[in-house]
Amino acid sequence: MSEYQQFLDERDKIDFLIQKGCRINGVREHLDGASVDFLHPNGNVTETLLIGTANGRKYFSSLLISQIHVDQA
Protein backbone atom coordinates (compact mmCIF):
# COMPACT_ATOMS: atom_id res chain seq x y z
CA MET A 1 0.00 0.00 0.00
CA SER A 2 1.36 3.43 -0.87
CA GLU A 3 1.95 5.93 1.90
CA TYR A 4 -0.83 8.14 0.52
CA GLN A 5 -3.29 5.22 0.60
CA GLN A 6 -2.19 4.46 4.14
CA PHE A 7 -2.83 8.09 5.11
CA LEU A 8 -6.32 7.98 3.53
CA ASP A 9 -7.08 4.84 5.54
CA GLU A 10 -5.88 6.47 8.77
CA ARG A 11 -7.84 9.66 8.02
CA ASP A 12 -11.02 7.68 7.36
CA LYS A 13 -10.66 5.80 10.66
CA ILE A 14 -10.08 9.04 12.57
CA ASP A 15 -13.04 10.75 10.88
CA PHE A 16 -15.27 7.76 11.65
CA LEU A 17 -14.47 7.95 15.36
CA ILE A 18 -14.92 11.74 15.43
CA GLN A 19 -18.30 11.42 13.69
CA LYS A 20 -19.35 8.89 16.35
CA GLY A 21 -18.72 11.63 18.91
CA CYS A 22 -15.39 10.32 20.20
CA ARG A 23 -12.80 12.79 21.43
CA ILE A 24 -9.03 12.52 21.44
CA ASN A 25 -8.12 11.59 24.99
CA GLY A 26 -4.41 10.80 24.78
CA VAL A 27 -1.44 10.51 22.43
CA ARG A 28 1.67 8.37 22.84
CA GLU A 29 4.49 8.93 20.35
CA HIS A 30 6.83 6.03 19.57
CA LEU A 31 9.10 4.77 16.81
CA ASP A 32 6.19 3.33 14.79
CA GLY A 33 4.25 6.62 14.80
CA ALA A 34 1.67 7.55 17.39
CA SER A 35 -1.01 5.73 19.34
CA VAL A 36 -4.07 7.95 19.64
CA ASP A 37 -6.71 7.16 22.27
CA PHE A 38 -10.29 8.16 21.49
CA LEU A 39 -12.83 8.34 24.32
CA HIS A 40 -16.42 7.46 23.45
CA PRO A 41 -18.99 10.12 24.48
CA ASN A 42 -20.50 7.91 27.19
CA GLY A 43 -17.06 7.91 28.82
CA ASN A 44 -16.44 4.23 29.37
CA VAL A 45 -15.07 3.02 26.01
CA THR A 46 -11.64 3.89 24.65
CA GLU A 47 -10.43 2.99 21.17
CA THR A 48 -6.79 3.28 20.15
CA LEU A 49 -5.54 3.86 16.61
CA LEU A 50 -1.95 3.49 15.47
CA ILE A 51 -1.13 6.40 13.16
CA GLY A 52 2.05 5.70 11.23
CA THR A 53 2.20 8.32 8.49
CA ALA A 54 3.47 11.86 8.94
CA ASN A 55 0.35 13.24 7.27
CA GLY A 56 -1.82 11.19 9.60
CA ARG A 57 -0.02 12.63 12.63
CA LYS A 58 -0.45 16.15 11.25
CA TYR A 59 -4.14 15.46 10.66
CA PHE A 60 -4.95 14.26 14.18
CA SER A 61 -2.80 17.06 15.62
CA SER A 62 -4.91 19.67 13.84
CA LEU A 63 -8.08 17.99 15.16
CA LEU A 64 -6.63 17.96 18.67
CA ILE A 65 -5.83 21.67 18.50
CA SER A 66 -9.38 22.41 17.29
CA GLN A 67 -10.77 20.28 20.11
CA ILE A 68 -8.75 22.24 22.67
CA HIS A 69 -9.92 25.59 21.25
CA VAL A 70 -13.57 24.46 21.43
CA ASP A 71 -13.10 23.34 25.03
CA GLN A 72 -11.67 26.72 26.01
CA ALA A 73 -14.44 28.74 24.33
PDB file of N, CA and C in Angstrom:
ATOM      1  N   MET A   1       0.849  -1.163   0.000  1.00  0.00           N
ATOM      2  CA  MET A   1       0.000   0.000   0.000  1.00  0.00           C
ATOM      3  C   MET A   1       0.902   1.236   0.000  1.00  0.00           C
ATOM      4  N   SER A   2       0.554   2.210  -0.829  1.00  0.00           N
ATOM      5  CA  SER A   2       1.356   3.429  -0.866  1.00  0.00           C
ATOM      6  C   SER A   2       1.132   4.230   0.408  1.00  0.00           C
ATOM      7  N   GLU A   3       2.076   5.116   0.690  1.00  0.00           N
ATOM      8  CA  GLU A   3       1.950   5.934   1.896  1.00  0.00           C
ATOM      9  C   GLU A   3       0.706   6.806   1.843  1.00  0.00           C
ATOM     10  N   TYR A   4       0.375   7.303   0.646  1.00  0.00           N
ATOM     11  CA  TYR A   4      -0.826   8.137   0.516  1.00  0.00           C
ATOM     12  C   TYR A   4      -2.079   7.313   0.812  1.00  0.00           C
ATOM     13  N   GLN A   5      -2.145   6.094   0.311  1.00  0.00           N
ATOM     14  CA  GLN A   5      -3.286   5.225   0.596  1.00  0.00           C
ATOM     15  C   GLN A   5      -3.375   4.906   2.083  1.00  0.00           C
ATOM     16  N   GLN A   6      -2.215   4.712   2.705  1.00  0.00           N
ATOM     17  CA  GLN A   6      -2.194   4.456   4.143  1.00  0.00           C
ATOM     18  C   GLN A   6      -2.726   5.674   4.901  1.00  0.00           C
ATOM     19  N   PHE A   7      -2.321   6.873   4.481  1.00  0.00           N
ATOM     20  CA  PHE A   7      -2.833   8.091   5.105  1.00  0.00           C
ATOM     21  C   PHE A   7      -4.350   8.187   4.949  1.00  0.00           C
ATOM     22  N   LEU A   8      -4.869   7.915   3.750  1.00  0.00           N
ATOM     23  CA  LEU A   8      -6.316   7.983   3.533  1.00  0.00           C
ATOM     24  C   LEU A   8      -7.052   7.006   4.444  1.00  0.00           C
ATOM     25  N   ASP A   9      -6.489   5.827   4.634  1.00  0.00           N
ATOM     26  CA  ASP A   9      -7.081   4.840   5.535  1.00  0.00           C
ATOM     27  C   ASP A   9      -7.088   5.350   6.974  1.00  0.00           C
ATOM     28  N   GLU A  10      -5.961   5.918   7.406  1.00  0.00           N
ATOM     29  CA  GLU A  10      -5.880   6.473   8.770  1.00  0.00           C
ATOM     30  C   GLU A  10      -6.870   7.626   8.943  1.00  0.00           C
ATOM     31  N   ARG A  11      -6.936   8.504   7.947  1.00  0.00           N
ATOM     32  CA  ARG A  11      -7.842   9.656   8.022  1.00  0.00           C
ATOM     33  C   ARG A  11      -9.286   9.194   8.118  1.00  0.00           C
ATOM     34  N   ASP A  12      -9.652   8.191   7.327  1.00  0.00           N
ATOM     35  CA  ASP A  12     -11.017   7.682   7.362  1.00  0.00           C
ATOM     36  C   ASP A  12     -11.361   7.091   8.726  1.00  0.00           C
ATOM     37  N   LYS A  13     -10.426   6.376   9.327  1.00  0.00           N
ATOM     38  CA  LYS A  13     -10.665   5.799  10.660  1.00  0.00           C
ATOM     39  C   LYS A  13     -10.817   6.888  11.710  1.00  0.00           C
ATOM     40  N   ILE A  14      -9.978   7.916  11.629  1.00  0.00           N
ATOM     41  CA  ILE A  14     -10.078   9.042  12.568  1.00  0.00           C
ATOM     42  C   ILE A  14     -11.418   9.743  12.401  1.00  0.00           C
ATOM     43  N   ASP A  15     -11.771  10.055  11.150  1.00  0.00           N
ATOM     44  CA  ASP A  15     -13.037  10.749  10.883  1.00  0.00           C
ATOM     45  C   ASP A  15     -14.230   9.938  11.362  1.00  0.00           C
ATOM     46  N   PHE A  16     -14.179   8.613  11.188  1.00  0.00           N
ATOM     47  CA  PHE A  16     -15.275   7.757  11.646  1.00  0.00           C
ATOM     48  C   PHE A  16     -15.467   7.881  13.159  1.00  0.00           C
ATOM     49  N   LEU A  17     -14.369   7.835  13.899  1.00  0.00           N
ATOM     50  CA  LEU A  17     -14.473   7.948  15.363  1.00  0.00           C
ATOM     51  C   LEU A  17     -14.958   9.330  15.781  1.00  0.00           C
ATOM     52  N   ILE A  18     -14.481  10.374  15.111  1.00  0.00           N
ATOM     53  CA  ILE A  18     -14.919  11.743  15.432  1.00  0.00           C
ATOM     54  C   ILE A  18     -16.410  11.890  15.143  1.00  0.00           C
ATOM     55  N   GLN A  19     -16.875  11.338  14.036  1.00  0.00           N
ATOM     56  CA  GLN A  19     -18.298  11.417  13.689  1.00  0.00           C
ATOM     57  C   GLN A  19     -19.167  10.658  14.678  1.00  0.00           C
ATOM     58  N   LYS A  20     -18.619   9.619  15.308  1.00  0.00           N
ATOM     59  CA  LYS A  20     -19.351   8.892  16.347  1.00  0.00           C
ATOM     60  C   LYS A  20     -19.423   9.688  17.639  1.00  0.00           C
ATOM     61  N   GLY A  21     -18.707  10.812  17.704  1.00  0.00           N
ATOM     62  CA  GLY A  21     -18.717  11.633  18.907  1.00  0.00           C
ATOM     63  C   GLY A  21     -17.524  11.408  19.814  1.00  0.00           C
ATOM     64  N   CYS A  22     -16.586  10.572  19.387  1.00  0.00           N
ATOM     65  CA  CYS A  22     -15.394  10.316  20.201  1.00  0.00           C
ATOM     66  C   CYS A  22     -14.499  11.551  20.212  1.00  0.00           C
ATOM     67  N   ARG A  23     -13.741  11.683  21.282  1.00  0.00           N
ATOM     68  CA  ARG A  23     -12.799  12.788  21.431  1.00  0.00           C
ATOM     69  C   ARG A  23     -11.412  12.224  21.667  1.00  0.00           C
ATOM     70  N   ILE A  24     -10.406  12.939  21.206  1.00  0.00           N
ATOM     71  CA  ILE A  24      -9.028  12.515  21.445  1.00  0.00           C
ATOM     72  C   ILE A  24      -8.743  12.673  22.927  1.00  0.00           C
ATOM     73  N   ASN A  25      -8.317  11.596  23.545  1.00  0.00           N
ATOM     74  CA  ASN A  25      -8.118  11.585  24.990  1.00  0.00           C
ATOM     75  C   ASN A  25      -6.651  11.438  25.377  1.00  0.00           C
ATOM     76  N   GLY A  26      -5.819  10.973  24.462  1.00  0.00           N
ATOM     77  CA  GLY A  26      -4.409  10.796  24.775  1.00  0.00           C
ATOM     78  C   GLY A  26      -3.625  10.432  23.533  1.00  0.00           C
ATOM     79  N   VAL A  27      -2.340  10.799  23.551  1.00  0.00           N
ATOM     80  CA  VAL A  27      -1.443  10.509  22.432  1.00  0.00           C
ATOM     81  C   VAL A  27      -0.123  10.010  23.006  1.00  0.00           C
ATOM     82  N   ARG A  28       0.356   8.893  22.451  1.00  0.00           N
ATOM     83  CA  ARG A  28       1.667   8.367  22.835  1.00  0.00           C
ATOM     84  C   ARG A  28       2.498   8.239  21.566  1.00  0.00           C
ATOM     85  N   GLU A  29       3.583   9.000  21.492  1.00  0.00           N
ATOM     86  CA  GLU A  29       4.495   8.935  20.347  1.00  0.00           C
ATOM     87  C   GLU A  29       5.497   7.809  20.571  1.00  0.00           C
ATOM     88  N   HIS A  30       5.827   7.088  19.504  1.00  0.00           N
ATOM     89  CA  HIS A  30       6.832   6.028  19.569  1.00  0.00           C
ATOM     90  C   HIS A  30       7.458   5.865  18.195  1.00  0.00           C
ATOM     91  N   LEU A  31       8.357   4.918  18.046  1.00  0.00           N
ATOM     92  CA  LEU A  31       9.100   4.768  16.806  1.00  0.00           C
ATOM     93  C   LEU A  31       8.231   4.361  15.619  1.00  0.00           C
ATOM     94  N   ASP A  32       7.083   3.753  15.866  1.00  0.00           N
ATOM     95  CA  ASP A  32       6.187   3.332  14.787  1.00  0.00           C
ATOM     96  C   ASP A  32       5.179   4.405  14.402  1.00  0.00           C
ATOM     97  N   GLY A  33       5.200   5.548  15.057  1.00  0.00           N
ATOM     98  CA  GLY A  33       4.247   6.620  14.798  1.00  0.00           C
ATOM     99  C   GLY A  33       3.670   7.133  16.087  1.00  0.00           C
ATOM    100  N   ALA A  34       2.336   7.078  16.186  1.00  0.00           N
ATOM    101  CA  ALA A  34       1.666   7.554  17.393  1.00  0.00           C
ATOM    102  C   ALA A  34       0.440   6.697  17.657  1.00  0.00           C
ATOM    103  N   SER A  35       0.210   6.396  18.923  1.00  0.00           N
ATOM    104  CA  SER A  35      -1.014   5.726  19.342  1.00  0.00           C
ATOM    105  C   SER A  35      -1.942   6.803  19.880  1.00  0.00           C
ATOM    106  N   VAL A  36      -3.108   6.910  19.273  1.00  0.00           N
ATOM    107  CA  VAL A  36      -4.065   7.948  19.645  1.00  0.00           C
ATOM    108  C   VAL A  36      -5.261   7.277  20.301  1.00  0.00           C
ATOM    109  N   ASP A  37      -5.568   7.694  21.527  1.00  0.00           N
ATOM    110  CA  ASP A  37      -6.707   7.162  22.269  1.00  0.00           C
ATOM    111  C   ASP A  37      -7.913   8.061  22.053  1.00  0.00           C
ATOM    112  N   PHE A  38      -9.034   7.448  21.671  1.00  0.00           N
ATOM    113  CA  PHE A  38     -10.290   8.157  21.489  1.00  0.00           C
ATOM    114  C   PHE A  38     -11.259   7.691  22.559  1.00  0.00           C
ATOM    115  N   LEU A  39     -11.875   8.644  23.254  1.00  0.00           N
ATOM    116  CA  LEU A  39     -12.827   8.340  24.317  1.00  0.00           C
ATOM    117  C   LEU A  39     -14.236   8.495  23.761  1.00  0.00           C
ATOM    118  N   HIS A  40     -15.033   7.441  23.916  1.00  0.00           N
ATOM    119  CA  HIS A  40     -16.422   7.463  23.452  1.00  0.00           C
ATOM    120  C   HIS A  40     -17.214   8.452  24.302  1.00  0.00           C
ATOM    121  N   PRO A  41     -18.252   9.094  23.736  1.00  0.00           N
ATOM    122  CA  PRO A  41     -18.992  10.123  24.476  1.00  0.00           C
ATOM    123  C   PRO A  41     -19.602   9.650  25.787  1.00  0.00           C
ATOM    124  N   ASN A  42     -19.934   8.360  25.915  1.00  0.00           N
ATOM    125  CA  ASN A  42     -20.496   7.905  27.185  1.00  0.00           C
ATOM    126  C   ASN A  42     -19.422   7.732  28.252  1.00  0.00           C
ATOM    127  N   GLY A  43     -18.154   7.847  27.854  1.00  0.00           N
ATOM    128  CA  GLY A  43     -17.062   7.909  28.817  1.00  0.00           C
ATOM    129  C   GLY A  43     -16.470   6.601  29.278  1.00  0.00           C
ATOM    130  N   ASN A  44     -16.989   5.471  28.843  1.00  0.00           N
ATOM    131  CA  ASN A  44     -16.440   4.231  29.373  1.00  0.00           C
ATOM    132  C   ASN A  44     -15.786   3.340  28.314  1.00  0.00           C
ATOM    133  N   VAL A  45     -15.690   3.812  27.075  1.00  0.00           N
ATOM    134  CA  VAL A  45     -15.071   3.022  26.009  1.00  0.00           C
ATOM    135  C   VAL A  45     -13.955   3.836  25.372  1.00  0.00           C
ATOM    136  N   THR A  46     -12.770   3.246  25.299  1.00  0.00           N
ATOM    137  CA  THR A  46     -11.637   3.892  24.651  1.00  0.00           C
ATOM    138  C   THR A  46     -11.188   3.032  23.485  1.00  0.00           C
ATOM    139  N   GLU A  47     -10.977   3.677  22.346  1.00  0.00           N
ATOM    140  CA  GLU A  47     -10.433   2.993  21.174  1.00  0.00           C
ATOM    141  C   GLU A  47      -9.090   3.622  20.852  1.00  0.00           C
ATOM    142  N   THR A  48      -8.133   2.800  20.458  1.00  0.00           N
ATOM    143  CA  THR A  48      -6.791   3.276  20.145  1.00  0.00           C
ATOM    144  C   THR A  48      -6.476   2.988  18.684  1.00  0.00           C
ATOM    145  N   LEU A  49      -5.988   4.018  17.990  1.00  0.00           N
ATOM    146  CA  LEU A  49      -5.540   3.864  16.609  1.00  0.00           C
ATOM    147  C   LEU A  49      -4.037   4.084  16.550  1.00  0.00           C
ATOM    148  N   LEU A  50      -3.364   3.282  15.750  1.00  0.00           N
ATOM    149  CA  LEU A  50      -1.947   3.491  15.471  1.00  0.00           C
ATOM    150  C   LEU A  50      -1.861   4.321  14.197  1.00  0.00           C
ATOM    151  N   ILE A  51      -1.294   5.497  14.300  1.00  0.00           N
ATOM    152  CA  ILE A  51      -1.131   6.395  13.160  1.00  0.00           C
ATOM    153  C   ILE A  51       0.343   6.396  12.798  1.00  0.00           C
ATOM    154  N   GLY A  52       0.662   5.884  11.607  1.00  0.00           N
ATOM    155  CA  GLY A  52       2.050   5.700  11.233  1.00  0.00           C
ATOM    156  C   GLY A  52       2.593   6.702  10.236  1.00  0.00           C
ATOM    157  N   THR A  53       1.707   7.386   9.509  1.00  0.00           N
ATOM    158  CA  THR A  53       2.196   8.320   8.494  1.00  0.00           C
ATOM    159  C   THR A  53       2.348   9.720   9.081  1.00  0.00           C
ATOM    160  N   ALA A  54       3.275  10.480   8.493  1.00  0.00           N
ATOM    161  CA  ALA A  54       3.473  11.858   8.944  1.00  0.00           C
ATOM    162  C   ALA A  54       2.220  12.687   8.698  1.00  0.00           C
ATOM    163  N   ASN A  55       1.572  12.488   7.554  1.00  0.00           N
ATOM    164  CA  ASN A  55       0.352  13.242   7.266  1.00  0.00           C
ATOM    165  C   ASN A  55      -0.772  12.864   8.224  1.00  0.00           C
ATOM    166  N   GLY A  56      -0.831  11.620   8.620  1.00  0.00           N
ATOM    167  CA  GLY A  56      -1.819  11.192   9.605  1.00  0.00           C
ATOM    168  C   GLY A  56      -1.592  11.853  10.954  1.00  0.00           C
ATOM    169  N   ARG A  57      -0.329  11.963  11.349  1.00  0.00           N
ATOM    170  CA  ARG A  57      -0.017  12.627  12.626  1.00  0.00           C
ATOM    171  C   ARG A  57      -0.348  14.117  12.552  1.00  0.00           C
ATOM    172  N   LYS A  58      -0.080  14.739  11.417  1.00  0.00           N
ATOM    173  CA  LYS A  58      -0.453  16.153  11.255  1.00  0.00           C
ATOM    174  C   LYS A  58      -1.967  16.312  11.304  1.00  0.00           C
ATOM    175  N   TYR A  59      -2.686  15.375  10.706  1.00  0.00           N
ATOM    176  CA  TYR A  59      -4.140  15.458  10.659  1.00  0.00           C
ATOM    177  C   TYR A  59      -4.749  15.369  12.062  1.00  0.00           C
ATOM    178  N   PHE A  60      -4.355  14.353  12.844  1.00  0.00           N
ATOM    179  CA  PHE A  60      -4.954  14.257  14.177  1.00  0.00           C
ATOM    180  C   PHE A  60      -4.480  15.395  15.073  1.00  0.00           C
ATOM    181  N   SER A  61      -3.276  15.920  14.826  1.00  0.00           N
ATOM    182  CA  SER A  61      -2.796  17.058  15.619  1.00  0.00           C
ATOM    183  C   SER A  61      -3.664  18.285  15.384  1.00  0.00           C
ATOM    184  N   SER A  62      -4.047  18.517  14.131  1.00  0.00           N
ATOM    185  CA  SER A  62      -4.909  19.671  13.843  1.00  0.00           C
ATOM    186  C   SER A  62      -6.284  19.490  14.482  1.00  0.00           C
ATOM    187  N   LEU A  63      -6.796  18.256  14.496  1.00  0.00           N
ATOM    188  CA  LEU A  63      -8.075  17.995  15.158  1.00  0.00           C
ATOM    189  C   LEU A  63      -7.969  18.197  16.669  1.00  0.00           C
ATOM    190  N   LEU A  64      -6.844  17.790  17.238  1.00  0.00           N
ATOM    191  CA  LEU A  64      -6.634  17.962  18.669  1.00  0.00           C
ATOM    192  C   LEU A  64      -6.576  19.441  19.040  1.00  0.00           C
ATOM    193  N   ILE A  65      -5.897  20.230  18.233  1.00  0.00           N
ATOM    194  CA  ILE A  65      -5.825  21.674  18.498  1.00  0.00           C
ATOM    195  C   ILE A  65      -7.207  22.290  18.408  1.00  0.00           C
ATOM    196  N   SER A  66      -7.997  21.910  17.408  1.00  0.00           N
ATOM    197  CA  SER A  66      -9.378  22.409  17.285  1.00  0.00           C
ATOM    198  C   SER A  66     -10.213  22.010  18.490  1.00  0.00           C
ATOM    199  N   GLN A  67     -10.024  20.774  18.940  1.00  0.00           N
ATOM    200  CA  GLN A  67     -10.768  20.284  20.110  1.00  0.00           C
ATOM    201  C   GLN A  67     -10.426  21.107  21.344  1.00  0.00           C
ATOM    202  N   ILE A  68      -9.172  21.447  21.520  1.00  0.00           N
ATOM    203  CA  ILE A  68      -8.749  22.241  22.669  1.00  0.00           C
ATOM    204  C   ILE A  68      -9.349  23.639  22.601  1.00  0.00           C
ATOM    205  N   HIS A  69      -9.363  24.239  21.404  1.00  0.00           N
ATOM    206  CA  HIS A  69      -9.924  25.586  21.252  1.00  0.00           C
ATOM    207  C   HIS A  69     -11.411  25.593  21.545  1.00  0.00           C
ATOM    208  N   VAL A  70     -12.139  24.550  21.155  1.00  0.00           N
ATOM    209  CA  VAL A  70     -13.570  24.461  21.428  1.00  0.00           C
ATOM    210  C   VAL A  70     -13.796  24.315  22.928  1.00  0.00           C
ATOM    211  N   ASP A  71     -12.963  23.534  23.594  1.00  0.00           N
ATOM    212  CA  ASP A  71     -13.104  23.337  25.035  1.00  0.00           C
ATOM    213  C   ASP A  71     -12.875  24.628  25.817  1.00  0.00           C
ATOM    214  N   GLN A  72     -11.991  25.484  25.309  1.00  0.00           N
ATOM    215  CA  GLN A  72     -11.666  26.721  26.010  1.00  0.00           C
ATOM    216  C   GLN A  72     -12.671  27.836  25.734  1.00  0.00           C
ATOM    217  N   ALA A  73     -13.473  27.689  24.700  1.00  0.00           N
ATOM    218  CA  ALA A  73     -14.437  28.744  24.330  1.00  0.00           C
ATOM    219  C   ALA A  73     -15.666  28.694  25.206  1.00  0.00           C
TER     220      ALA A  73
END
